[in-house]
Amino acid sequence: EIPFFSRIISVADVYDALTSHRPYRSPIQPISATEYIMGGCDTYFDSQIIDAFLHRIELYRIGSYVKLSNGAIGQVIGYEQQLRPILRLYPSEKIIDLYHDPKYLNIVIRGTCHPPRKRENKFNL
């Protein structure tokens, strides 16, 4: 039996190792590290620890940009549930809540992306 605090440390240590720069590799995105850890649920990691961990980490930082499965780009402006944040879509500025709005149940985040470039106004009107 592995002590409870050791099980907590193992999840935190793996997450830190994956998301930190190492001399032999670049860090991976928090969501990718989380998916890796979730893949070890009940095999390498305690499911209760993973559940608590998922409720306390920030997968998508406020202000970061994400690409959606429908091709849209959105900026994270808040969240109630980590995997389904509240987004401001680009360029429409429409606010969507991936967690609460049933219209977006089938839309998932494909990954983070760079902020979209602003369109230049060629006509100074």
Protein backbone atom coordinates (compact mmCIF):
# COMPACT_ATOMS: atom_id res chain seq x y z
CA GLU A 1 0.00 0.00 0.00
CA ILE A 2 1.46 3.34 -1.09
CA PRO A 3 0.90 6.09 1.52
CA PHE A 4 -1.73 8.70 0.65
CA PHE A 5 0.68 11.65 0.54
CA SER A 6 3.06 9.69 -1.69
CA ARG A 7 0.20 9.15 -4.15
CA ILE A 8 -0.45 12.91 -4.19
CA ILE A 9 3.23 13.66 -4.74
CA SER A 10 3.45 11.16 -7.60
CA VAL A 11 0.73 12.94 -9.60
CA ALA A 12 2.20 16.39 -8.90
CA ASP A 13 5.73 15.21 -9.73
CA VAL A 14 4.74 13.69 -13.08
CA TYR A 15 2.74 16.80 -14.02
CA ASP A 16 5.66 19.06 -13.11
CA ALA A 17 8.14 16.89 -15.01
CA LEU A 18 5.99 16.93 -18.15
CA THR A 19 5.21 20.67 -18.13
CA SER A 20 8.69 21.90 -17.17
CA HIS A 21 11.63 22.53 -19.48
CA ARG A 22 14.24 19.81 -19.39
CA PRO A 23 17.70 19.85 -21.03
CA TYR A 24 16.63 16.96 -23.26
CA ARG A 25 13.13 18.17 -24.24
CA SER A 26 10.71 21.08 -24.28
CA PRO A 27 7.73 21.22 -21.92
CA ILE A 28 4.38 19.90 -23.11
CA GLN A 29 1.06 21.74 -22.84
CA PRO A 30 -0.82 21.35 -19.52
CA ILE A 31 -3.73 19.65 -21.29
CA SER A 32 -1.40 17.03 -22.81
CA ALA A 33 0.18 16.37 -19.42
CA THR A 34 -3.27 16.01 -17.89
CA GLU A 35 -4.33 13.55 -20.60
CA TYR A 36 -1.18 11.52 -19.91
CA ILE A 37 -1.95 11.41 -16.19
CA MET A 38 -5.60 10.53 -16.84
CA GLY A 39 -4.38 7.63 -18.98
CA GLY A 40 -2.73 6.20 -15.87
CA CYS A 41 -5.87 6.46 -13.74
CA ASP A 42 -6.29 3.40 -11.48
CA THR A 43 -3.14 1.88 -12.97
CA TYR A 44 -0.32 4.22 -11.99
CA PHE A 45 -2.31 6.92 -10.22
CA ASP A 46 -5.14 6.94 -7.68
CA SER A 47 -8.43 8.06 -9.28
CA GLN A 48 -9.38 10.14 -6.21
CA ILE A 49 -6.08 12.01 -6.43
CA ILE A 50 -6.54 12.63 -10.15
CA ASP A 51 -10.09 13.90 -9.58
CA ALA A 52 -8.90 16.36 -6.92
CA PHE A 53 -5.97 17.37 -9.12
CA LEU A 54 -8.26 18.13 -12.09
CA HIS A 55 -10.41 20.42 -9.95
CA ARG A 56 -7.43 22.50 -8.86
CA ILE A 57 -5.26 23.05 -11.90
CA GLU A 58 -5.69 25.54 -14.70
CA LEU A 59 -5.57 23.70 -18.02
CA TYR A 60 -6.23 26.75 -20.14
CA ARG A 61 -4.98 30.01 -18.68
CA ILE A 62 -7.30 32.99 -18.71
CA GLY A 63 -6.34 35.00 -21.80
CA SER A 64 -4.97 32.03 -23.75
CA TYR A 65 -6.30 31.16 -27.20
CA VAL A 66 -7.70 27.78 -28.16
CA LYS A 67 -8.75 26.15 -31.42
CA LEU A 68 -12.11 24.38 -31.40
CA SER A 69 -13.18 21.24 -33.23
CA ASN A 70 -15.42 23.34 -35.49
CA GLY A 71 -12.40 25.40 -36.61
CA ALA A 72 -13.25 28.48 -34.53
CA ILE A 73 -10.68 30.26 -32.39
CA GLY A 74 -11.59 31.51 -28.94
CA GLN A 75 -9.96 33.29 -26.04
CA VAL A 76 -10.44 31.79 -22.58
CA ILE A 77 -12.17 34.35 -20.36
CA GLY A 78 -13.29 32.11 -17.49
CA TYR A 79 -14.34 28.66 -16.49
CA GLU A 80 -16.45 26.70 -14.09
CA GLN A 81 -15.23 23.36 -15.41
CA GLN A 82 -11.60 23.07 -16.54
CA LEU A 83 -12.12 21.11 -19.76
CA ARG A 84 -15.03 23.30 -20.94
CA PRO A 85 -14.15 27.00 -20.40
CA ILE A 86 -16.04 30.17 -21.24
CA LEU A 87 -14.68 31.64 -24.47
CA ARG A 88 -14.79 34.85 -26.49
CA LEU A 89 -14.84 33.79 -30.12
CA TYR A 90 -12.70 35.53 -32.71
CA PRO A 91 -13.48 37.66 -34.66
CA SER A 92 -17.18 37.85 -33.69
CA GLU A 93 -16.53 38.60 -29.97
CA LYS A 94 -19.43 36.24 -29.18
CA ILE A 95 -19.23 34.72 -25.69
CA ILE A 96 -19.88 30.97 -25.42
CA ASP A 97 -19.93 28.65 -22.41
CA LEU A 98 -18.79 25.19 -23.48
CA TYR A 99 -19.92 23.68 -20.18
CA HIS A 100 -23.46 25.03 -19.79
CA ASP A 101 -24.68 25.77 -23.32
CA PRO A 102 -26.19 22.63 -24.91
CA LYS A 103 -25.52 24.02 -28.41
CA TYR A 104 -21.81 23.40 -27.82
CA LEU A 105 -21.95 19.88 -26.35
CA ASN A 106 -20.24 18.38 -29.42
CA ILE A 107 -17.58 21.09 -29.67
CA VAL A 108 -14.24 20.26 -28.05
CA ILE A 109 -10.96 22.09 -27.68
CA ARG A 110 -8.34 20.71 -30.08
CA GLY A 111 -5.46 22.61 -28.51
CA THR A 112 -3.97 25.97 -27.77
CA CYS A 113 -2.97 28.37 -30.53
CA HIS A 114 -1.39 31.76 -31.05
CA PRO A 115 -3.56 34.87 -30.86
CA PRO A 116 -5.11 35.65 -34.24
CA ARG A 117 -3.59 38.58 -36.08
CA LYS A 118 -5.75 41.65 -36.18
CA ARG A 119 -7.02 42.62 -39.58
CA GLU A 120 -5.63 45.85 -40.86
CA ASN A 121 -8.04 48.50 -41.99
CA LYS A 122 -6.76 49.47 -45.43
CA PHE A 123 -9.18 52.34 -45.59
CA ASN A 124 -8.63 54.97 -42.95
CA LEU A 125 -12.22 56.10 -42.73
